[in-house]
Amino acid sequence: MSAVADPPELGRMIACCGHLVKQCGDNRLRQAGYDVTPPQSHLLMYLSRCRAGREVSQRELERELRLKPSTVNGIVGRLEEKGYIARRASLQDGRFRMVSLTELGRSKVVEFRSAMEETERHVAGPLSPAEQELLHGLLARIIANLENEVNES
């Protein structure tokens, strides 16, 4: 009887990839001397992709980053302290907090975009363009399926 180990579970492999991508991005940002963490950089990058100057609610950031409200609040607070974002109460509903990039935040995104792109190149490096496209589609389907499962609970 062969002692071949079972391959790791798919969920575990995906989680491992996510963890390693986070570590790689964090290392690149740290080596380049940037004072932002990967979650902070993802929030800044998301704000930079929004229509010019558009404010985003913290709830939208929670959905985009898939993080708890308290975690997003901490990230937003630290970025606000650094002067990279501005936060204010919504004009339509004062219970909502609106977030936008400051000029300093926009310049920070331009500075560290290359470090984030380098991380992305390392993630996709061993895959052909066709494999990258296939993996992207497969992961999008897995994410959609899991979001449906989580949102039904």
N, C-alpha and C. Protein backbone atom coordinates (compact mmCIF):
# COMPACT_ATOMS: atom_id res chain seq x y z
N MET A 1 0.84 -1.18 0.00
CA MET A 1 0.00 0.00 0.00
C MET A 1 0.88 1.24 0.00
N SER A 2 0.57 2.17 -0.87
CA SER A 2 1.38 3.39 -1.04
C SER A 2 1.07 4.40 0.06
N ALA A 3 2.08 5.13 0.49
CA ALA A 3 1.92 6.15 1.53
C ALA A 3 1.87 7.53 0.90
N VAL A 4 1.10 7.68 -0.19
CA VAL A 4 0.97 8.97 -0.86
C VAL A 4 0.00 9.84 -0.07
N ALA A 5 0.44 11.03 0.26
CA ALA A 5 -0.41 11.95 1.02
C ALA A 5 -1.49 12.52 0.11
N ASP A 6 -2.64 12.78 0.71
CA ASP A 6 -3.72 13.43 -0.04
C ASP A 6 -3.29 14.86 -0.36
N PRO A 7 -3.69 15.36 -1.53
CA PRO A 7 -3.36 16.75 -1.83
C PRO A 7 -4.08 17.68 -0.86
N PRO A 8 -3.50 18.86 -0.59
CA PRO A 8 -4.15 19.79 0.34
C PRO A 8 -5.52 20.21 -0.19
N GLU A 9 -6.42 20.55 0.73
CA GLU A 9 -7.75 21.00 0.35
C GLU A 9 -7.63 22.32 -0.42
N LEU A 10 -8.55 22.51 -1.35
CA LEU A 10 -8.55 23.71 -2.18
C LEU A 10 -8.66 24.98 -1.34
N GLY A 11 -9.56 24.98 -0.38
CA GLY A 11 -9.73 26.16 0.47
C GLY A 11 -8.45 26.52 1.20
N ARG A 12 -7.75 25.50 1.68
CA ARG A 12 -6.48 25.73 2.39
C ARG A 12 -5.44 26.31 1.44
N MET A 13 -5.39 25.81 0.22
CA MET A 13 -4.42 26.33 -0.75
C MET A 13 -4.72 27.78 -1.11
N ILE A 14 -6.00 28.10 -1.29
CA ILE A 14 -6.38 29.47 -1.61
C ILE A 14 -6.03 30.40 -0.44
N ALA A 15 -6.31 29.95 0.78
CA ALA A 15 -5.98 30.75 1.96
C ALA A 15 -4.47 30.96 2.06
N CYS A 16 -3.70 29.92 1.76
CA CYS A 16 -2.24 30.02 1.80
C CYS A 16 -1.76 31.04 0.77
N CYS A 17 -2.32 30.99 -0.43
CA CYS A 17 -1.95 31.97 -1.47
C CYS A 17 -2.25 33.39 -1.00
N GLY A 18 -3.44 33.59 -0.42
CA GLY A 18 -3.81 34.91 0.07
C GLY A 18 -2.85 35.41 1.13
N HIS A 19 -2.47 34.52 2.04
CA HIS A 19 -1.54 34.89 3.10
C HIS A 19 -0.17 35.26 2.53
N LEU A 20 0.32 34.46 1.58
CA LEU A 20 1.63 34.73 0.99
C LEU A 20 1.63 36.00 0.14
N VAL A 21 0.54 36.28 -0.57
CA VAL A 21 0.45 37.52 -1.34
C VAL A 21 0.50 38.71 -0.40
N LYS A 22 -0.22 38.60 0.72
CA LYS A 22 -0.22 39.68 1.72
C LYS A 22 1.19 39.90 2.25
N GLN A 23 1.89 38.82 2.59
CA GLN A 23 3.26 38.94 3.10
C GLN A 23 4.19 39.56 2.05
N CYS A 24 4.06 39.12 0.81
CA CYS A 24 4.90 39.64 -0.28
C CYS A 24 4.66 41.14 -0.45
N GLY A 25 3.39 41.54 -0.48
CA GLY A 25 3.06 42.96 -0.62
C GLY A 25 3.57 43.77 0.55
N ASP A 26 3.41 43.25 1.75
CA ASP A 26 3.88 43.94 2.95
C ASP A 26 5.39 44.11 2.90
N ASN A 27 6.11 43.04 2.51
CA ASN A 27 7.58 43.12 2.40
C ASN A 27 8.00 44.18 1.38
N ARG A 28 7.33 44.21 0.23
CA ARG A 28 7.68 45.19 -0.81
C ARG A 28 7.45 46.62 -0.32
N LEU A 29 6.31 46.83 0.33
CA LEU A 29 6.01 48.18 0.84
C LEU A 29 7.04 48.58 1.90
N ARG A 30 7.37 47.64 2.79
CA ARG A 30 8.34 47.93 3.84
C ARG A 30 9.73 48.20 3.25
N GLN A 31 10.16 47.35 2.30
CA GLN A 31 11.48 47.52 1.68
C GLN A 31 11.59 48.85 0.95
N ALA A 32 10.49 49.29 0.38
CA ALA A 32 10.49 50.56 -0.35
C ALA A 32 10.34 51.76 0.59
N GLY A 33 10.15 51.49 1.89
CA GLY A 33 10.08 52.57 2.87
C GLY A 33 8.72 53.24 2.98
N TYR A 34 7.66 52.59 2.52
CA TYR A 34 6.33 53.18 2.61
C TYR A 34 5.73 52.91 3.98
N ASP A 35 4.97 53.86 4.45
CA ASP A 35 4.39 53.76 5.79
C ASP A 35 2.94 53.30 5.76
N VAL A 36 2.62 52.38 4.85
CA VAL A 36 1.26 51.84 4.78
C VAL A 36 1.34 50.31 4.79
N THR A 37 0.31 49.71 5.35
CA THR A 37 0.19 48.26 5.35
C THR A 37 -0.58 47.83 4.11
N PRO A 38 -0.56 46.54 3.75
CA PRO A 38 -1.35 46.12 2.59
C PRO A 38 -2.83 46.49 2.69
N PRO A 39 -3.51 46.27 3.84
CA PRO A 39 -4.92 46.69 3.87
C PRO A 39 -5.09 48.20 3.66
N GLN A 40 -4.18 48.98 4.21
CA GLN A 40 -4.24 50.43 3.99
C GLN A 40 -4.01 50.75 2.51
N SER A 41 -3.06 50.05 1.90
CA SER A 41 -2.78 50.31 0.49
C SER A 41 -3.97 49.90 -0.38
N HIS A 42 -4.65 48.80 -0.03
CA HIS A 42 -5.82 48.37 -0.80
C HIS A 42 -6.93 49.40 -0.70
N LEU A 43 -7.12 49.96 0.49
CA LEU A 43 -8.14 51.00 0.67
C LEU A 43 -7.79 52.22 -0.16
N LEU A 44 -6.54 52.65 -0.11
CA LEU A 44 -6.11 53.82 -0.89
C LEU A 44 -6.24 53.55 -2.39
N MET A 45 -5.86 52.36 -2.82
CA MET A 45 -5.97 52.02 -4.25
C MET A 45 -7.43 52.02 -4.68
N TYR A 46 -8.32 51.48 -3.85
CA TYR A 46 -9.75 51.48 -4.19
C TYR A 46 -10.26 52.91 -4.33
N LEU A 47 -9.92 53.76 -3.37
CA LEU A 47 -10.36 55.15 -3.46
C LEU A 47 -9.81 55.83 -4.72
N SER A 48 -8.59 55.48 -5.11
CA SER A 48 -8.00 56.11 -6.30
C SER A 48 -8.70 55.64 -7.58
N ARG A 49 -9.29 54.44 -7.56
CA ARG A 49 -9.99 53.94 -8.74
C ARG A 49 -11.41 54.49 -8.85
N CYS A 50 -11.93 55.05 -7.77
CA CYS A 50 -13.28 55.63 -7.82
C CYS A 50 -13.24 56.91 -8.66
N ARG A 51 -14.39 57.27 -9.17
CA ARG A 51 -14.45 58.49 -9.97
C ARG A 51 -13.77 59.63 -9.24
N ALA A 52 -13.11 60.48 -9.98
CA ALA A 52 -12.29 61.57 -9.42
C ALA A 52 -13.00 62.28 -8.28
N GLY A 53 -12.39 62.23 -7.10
CA GLY A 53 -12.88 62.96 -5.96
C GLY A 53 -14.13 62.41 -5.30
N ARG A 54 -14.65 61.28 -5.81
CA ARG A 54 -15.89 60.74 -5.23
C ARG A 54 -15.64 60.25 -3.81
N GLU A 55 -16.56 60.61 -2.94
CA GLU A 55 -16.50 60.10 -1.58
C GLU A 55 -17.12 58.71 -1.55
N VAL A 56 -16.63 57.89 -0.63
CA VAL A 56 -17.10 56.52 -0.49
C VAL A 56 -17.50 56.33 0.97
N SER A 57 -18.60 55.65 1.20
CA SER A 57 -19.01 55.39 2.59
C SER A 57 -18.12 54.30 3.17
N GLN A 58 -17.99 54.32 4.49
CA GLN A 58 -17.21 53.27 5.15
C GLN A 58 -17.88 51.92 4.93
N ARG A 59 -19.19 51.89 4.79
CA ARG A 59 -19.89 50.62 4.51
C ARG A 59 -19.43 50.05 3.17
N GLU A 60 -19.29 50.92 2.17
CA GLU A 60 -18.82 50.46 0.86
C GLU A 60 -17.41 49.90 0.99
N LEU A 61 -16.57 50.54 1.80
CA LEU A 61 -15.21 50.05 2.01
C LEU A 61 -15.22 48.69 2.71
N GLU A 62 -16.13 48.49 3.64
CA GLU A 62 -16.26 47.19 4.32
C GLU A 62 -16.57 46.10 3.30
N ARG A 63 -17.50 46.40 2.39
CA ARG A 63 -17.87 45.41 1.37
C ARG A 63 -16.70 45.16 0.41
N GLU A 64 -16.07 46.23 -0.03
CA GLU A 64 -14.97 46.10 -0.99
C GLU A 64 -13.79 45.34 -0.40
N LEU A 65 -13.42 45.65 0.82
CA LEU A 65 -12.26 45.02 1.45
C LEU A 65 -12.62 43.71 2.16
N ARG A 66 -13.93 43.45 2.28
CA ARG A 66 -14.42 42.25 2.96
C ARG A 66 -13.87 42.16 4.38
N LEU A 67 -14.00 43.29 5.09
CA LEU A 67 -13.51 43.37 6.47
C LEU A 67 -14.63 43.84 7.39
N LYS A 68 -14.47 43.58 8.67
CA LYS A 68 -15.44 43.99 9.68
C LYS A 68 -15.43 45.52 9.82
N PRO A 69 -16.57 46.09 10.24
CA PRO A 69 -16.63 47.55 10.43
C PRO A 69 -15.54 48.08 11.35
N SER A 70 -15.26 47.37 12.45
CA SER A 70 -14.24 47.86 13.39
C SER A 70 -12.85 47.86 12.75
N THR A 71 -12.58 46.87 11.89
CA THR A 71 -11.28 46.81 11.21
C THR A 71 -11.14 47.96 10.22
N VAL A 72 -12.19 48.19 9.42
CA VAL A 72 -12.16 49.29 8.46
C VAL A 72 -12.05 50.62 9.19
N ASN A 73 -12.75 50.75 10.31
CA ASN A 73 -12.68 51.99 11.09
C ASN A 73 -11.24 52.25 11.55
N GLY A 74 -10.54 51.19 11.97
CA GLY A 74 -9.15 51.34 12.39
C GLY A 74 -8.25 51.73 11.23
N ILE A 75 -8.43 51.10 10.09
CA ILE A 75 -7.63 51.42 8.90
C ILE A 75 -7.87 52.87 8.49
N VAL A 76 -9.14 53.25 8.44
CA VAL A 76 -9.50 54.62 8.06
C VAL A 76 -8.90 55.61 9.06
N GLY A 77 -9.00 55.29 10.34
CA GLY A 77 -8.44 56.19 11.36
C GLY A 77 -6.95 56.40 11.20
N ARG A 78 -6.21 55.32 10.95
CA ARG A 78 -4.76 55.45 10.78
C ARG A 78 -4.41 56.25 9.52
N LEU A 79 -5.15 56.02 8.43
CA LEU A 79 -4.89 56.76 7.20
C LEU A 79 -5.26 58.24 7.35
N GLU A 80 -6.30 58.51 8.12
CA GLU A 80 -6.69 59.89 8.39
C GLU A 80 -5.61 60.59 9.21
N GLU A 81 -5.06 59.90 10.21
CA GLU A 81 -3.97 60.47 11.02
C GLU A 81 -2.76 60.82 10.17
N LYS A 82 -2.49 60.01 9.15
CA LYS A 82 -1.35 60.25 8.27
C LYS A 82 -1.64 61.34 7.24
N GLY A 83 -2.90 61.76 7.15
CA GLY A 83 -3.27 62.81 6.20
C GLY A 83 -3.56 62.31 4.80
N TYR A 84 -3.71 60.98 4.62
CA TYR A 84 -3.93 60.42 3.29
C TYR A 84 -5.39 60.41 2.88
N ILE A 85 -6.28 60.44 3.85
CA ILE A 85 -7.72 60.47 3.54
C ILE A 85 -8.39 61.50 4.44
N ALA A 86 -9.59 61.91 4.02
CA ALA A 86 -10.45 62.78 4.84
C ALA A 86 -11.73 62.01 5.10
N ARG A 87 -12.29 62.21 6.28
CA ARG A 87 -13.52 61.53 6.66
C ARG A 87 -14.47 62.58 7.22
N ARG A 88 -15.74 62.47 6.82
CA ARG A 88 -16.74 63.40 7.34
C ARG A 88 -18.10 62.70 7.35
N ALA A 89 -19.03 63.29 8.06
CA ALA A 89 -20.39 62.75 8.10
C ALA A 89 -21.06 62.99 6.75
N SER A 90 -21.90 62.06 6.34
CA SER A 90 -22.64 62.19 5.09
C SER A 90 -23.61 63.36 5.18
N LEU A 91 -23.74 64.10 4.09
CA LEU A 91 -24.70 65.20 4.05
C LEU A 91 -26.13 64.67 4.00
N GLN A 92 -26.33 63.49 3.40
CA GLN A 92 -27.66 62.90 3.29
C GLN A 92 -28.10 62.20 4.59
N ASP A 93 -27.16 61.57 5.28
CA ASP A 93 -27.49 60.83 6.48
C ASP A 93 -26.28 60.88 7.41
N GLY A 94 -26.37 61.68 8.44
CA GLY A 94 -25.25 61.91 9.35
C GLY A 94 -24.73 60.67 10.05
N ARG A 95 -25.46 59.57 9.99
CA ARG A 95 -24.98 58.32 10.61
C ARG A 95 -23.88 57.68 9.80
N PHE A 96 -23.79 58.02 8.51
CA PHE A 96 -22.78 57.43 7.63
C PHE A 96 -21.56 58.33 7.57
N ARG A 97 -20.39 57.68 7.56
CA ARG A 97 -19.12 58.40 7.41
C ARG A 97 -18.64 58.24 5.98
N MET A 98 -18.27 59.36 5.38
CA MET A 98 -17.80 59.37 4.00
C MET A 98 -16.28 59.58 4.00
N VAL A 99 -15.61 58.88 3.09
CA VAL A 99 -14.15 58.88 3.03
C VAL A 99 -13.72 59.29 1.63
N SER A 100 -12.67 60.10 1.54
CA SER A 100 -12.11 60.48 0.24
C SER A 100 -10.60 60.66 0.38
N LEU A 101 -9.91 60.54 -0.75
CA LEU A 101 -8.46 60.75 -0.77
C LEU A 101 -8.15 62.24 -0.65
N THR A 102 -7.10 62.54 0.06
CA THR A 102 -6.57 63.91 0.07
C THR A 102 -5.53 64.00 -1.06
N GLU A 103 -5.03 65.17 -1.29
CA GLU A 103 -3.97 65.34 -2.29
C GLU A 103 -2.75 64.52 -1.89
N LEU A 104 -2.42 64.52 -0.60
CA LEU A 104 -1.29 63.72 -0.11
C LEU A 104 -1.56 62.23 -0.35
N GLY A 105 -2.79 61.80 -0.14
CA GLY A 105 -3.16 60.40 -0.38
C GLY A 105 -3.01 60.02 -1.84
N ARG A 106 -3.43 60.92 -2.74
CA ARG A 106 -3.29 60.64 -4.18
C ARG A 106 -1.82 60.51 -4.56
N SER A 107 -0.97 61.35 -4.00
CA SER A 107 0.46 61.26 -4.33
C SER A 107 1.06 59.98 -3.74
N LYS A 108 0.57 59.54 -2.58
CA LYS A 108 1.06 58.30 -1.96
C LYS A 108 0.71 57.10 -2.84
N VAL A 109 -0.49 57.10 -3.41
CA VAL A 109 -0.91 55.99 -4.28
C VAL A 109 0.01 55.90 -5.49
N VAL A 110 0.33 57.04 -6.08
CA VAL A 110 1.22 57.06 -7.24
C VAL A 110 2.59 56.49 -6.84
N GLU A 111 3.07 56.85 -5.66
CA GLU A 111 4.38 56.38 -5.19
C GLU A 111 4.44 54.86 -5.02
N PHE A 112 3.44 54.28 -4.37
CA PHE A 112 3.56 52.85 -4.06
C PHE A 112 2.88 51.94 -5.06
N ARG A 113 2.28 52.50 -6.08
CA ARG A 113 1.63 51.67 -7.10
C ARG A 113 2.63 50.69 -7.72
N SER A 114 3.86 51.12 -7.95
CA SER A 114 4.85 50.23 -8.58
C SER A 114 5.18 49.04 -7.66
N ALA A 115 5.23 49.27 -6.34
CA ALA A 115 5.49 48.15 -5.42
C ALA A 115 4.35 47.15 -5.46
N MET A 116 3.14 47.63 -5.56
CA MET A 116 1.98 46.74 -5.62
C MET A 116 1.94 46.00 -6.96
N GLU A 117 2.31 46.68 -8.04
CA GLU A 117 2.35 46.03 -9.36
C GLU A 117 3.43 44.96 -9.41
N GLU A 118 4.54 45.19 -8.72
CA GLU A 118 5.61 44.19 -8.67
C GLU A 118 5.12 42.93 -7.94
N THR A 119 4.37 43.11 -6.88
CA THR A 119 3.79 41.97 -6.16
C THR A 119 2.85 41.21 -7.09
N GLU A 120 2.04 41.93 -7.84
CA GLU A 120 1.10 41.30 -8.77
C GLU A 120 1.86 40.51 -9.83
N ARG A 121 2.98 41.03 -10.30
CA ARG A 121 3.79 40.31 -11.29
C ARG A 121 4.33 39.00 -10.71
N HIS A 122 4.69 39.01 -9.44
CA HIS A 122 5.17 37.78 -8.81
C HIS A 122 4.05 36.77 -8.63
N VAL A 123 2.86 37.25 -8.34
CA VAL A 123 1.70 36.35 -8.19
C VAL A 123 1.43 35.65 -9.51
N ALA A 124 1.39 36.42 -10.59
CA ALA A 124 1.02 35.89 -11.90
C ALA A 124 2.21 35.32 -12.68
N GLY A 125 3.42 35.57 -12.21
CA GLY A 125 4.62 35.21 -12.94
C GLY A 125 4.71 33.81 -13.50
N PRO A 126 4.38 32.78 -12.73
CA PRO A 126 4.54 31.43 -13.27
C PRO A 126 3.42 30.99 -14.21
N LEU A 127 2.44 31.85 -14.44
CA LEU A 127 1.29 31.49 -15.27
C LEU A 127 1.34 32.19 -16.63
N SER A 128 0.92 31.48 -17.65
CA SER A 128 0.80 32.10 -18.98
C SER A 128 -0.40 33.05 -18.94
N PRO A 129 -0.49 33.97 -19.92
CA PRO A 129 -1.67 34.85 -19.97
C PRO A 129 -2.99 34.06 -20.00
N ALA A 130 -3.03 32.96 -20.73
CA ALA A 130 -4.26 32.16 -20.79
C ALA A 130 -4.55 31.54 -19.42
N GLU A 131 -3.52 31.06 -18.73
CA GLU A 131 -3.72 30.49 -17.40
C GLU A 131 -4.18 31.56 -16.40
N GLN A 132 -3.61 32.76 -16.52
CA GLN A 132 -4.03 33.87 -15.64
C GLN A 132 -5.51 34.18 -15.85
N GLU A 133 -5.92 34.22 -17.10
CA GLU A 133 -7.32 34.51 -17.42
C GLU A 133 -8.23 33.40 -16.88
N LEU A 134 -7.81 32.15 -17.07
CA LEU A 134 -8.59 31.02 -16.56
C LEU A 134 -8.69 31.08 -15.04
N LEU A 135 -7.57 31.29 -14.37
CA LEU A 135 -7.57 31.34 -12.91
C LEU A 135 -8.44 32.50 -12.42
N HIS A 136 -8.34 33.63 -13.07
CA HIS A 136 -9.15 34.79 -12.70
C HIS A 136 -10.64 34.43 -12.76
N GLY A 137 -11.04 33.80 -13.84
CA GLY A 137 -12.45 33.40 -13.99
C GLY A 137 -12.87 32.38 -12.95
N LEU A 138 -12.02 31.40 -12.68
CA LEU A 138 -12.34 30.38 -11.69
C LEU A 138 -12.46 30.98 -10.29
N LEU A 139 -11.51 31.84 -9.94
CA LEU A 139 -11.57 32.47 -8.62
C LEU A 139 -12.78 33.39 -8.49
N ALA A 140 -13.12 34.09 -9.56
CA ALA A 140 -14.32 34.96 -9.53
C ALA A 140 -15.57 34.12 -9.26
N ARG A 141 -15.65 32.95 -9.87
CA ARG A 141 -16.80 32.06 -9.63
C ARG A 141 -16.82 31.54 -8.19
N ILE A 142 -15.65 31.18 -7.67
CA ILE A 142 -15.58 30.70 -6.29
C ILE A 142 -15.99 31.82 -5.33
N ILE A 143 -15.48 33.01 -5.57
CA ILE A 143 -15.81 34.16 -4.72
C ILE A 143 -17.31 34.43 -4.76
N ALA A 144 -17.90 34.45 -5.94
CA ALA A 144 -19.34 34.70 -6.07
C ALA A 144 -20.14 33.64 -5.33
N ASN A 145 -19.74 32.38 -5.47
CA ASN A 145 -20.43 31.29 -4.79
C ASN A 145 -20.32 31.45 -3.26
N LEU A 146 -19.14 31.76 -2.78
CA LEU A 146 -18.94 31.91 -1.32
C LEU A 146 -19.67 33.14 -0.79
N GLU A 147 -19.67 34.23 -1.57
CA GLU A 147 -20.42 35.42 -1.15
C GLU A 147 -21.89 35.12 -1.03
N ASN A 148 -22.44 34.35 -1.98
CA ASN A 148 -23.85 33.96 -1.89
C ASN A 148 -24.10 33.14 -0.64
N GLU A 149 -23.20 32.21 -0.36
CA GLU A 149 -23.33 31.36 0.82
C GLU A 149 -23.30 32.19 2.10
N VAL A 150 -22.32 33.10 2.18
CA VAL A 150 -22.15 33.93 3.37
C VAL A 150 -23.34 34.89 3.53
N ASN A 151 -23.80 35.48 2.43
CA ASN A 151 -24.88 36.46 2.50
C ASN A 151 -26.22 35.81 2.82
N GLU A 152 -26.38 34.51 2.55
CA GLU A 152 -27.63 33.81 2.86
C GLU A 152 -27.71 33.46 4.33
N SER A 153 -26.58 33.41 5.00
CA SER A 153 -26.53 32.99 6.42
C SER A 153 -27.13 34.05 7.31
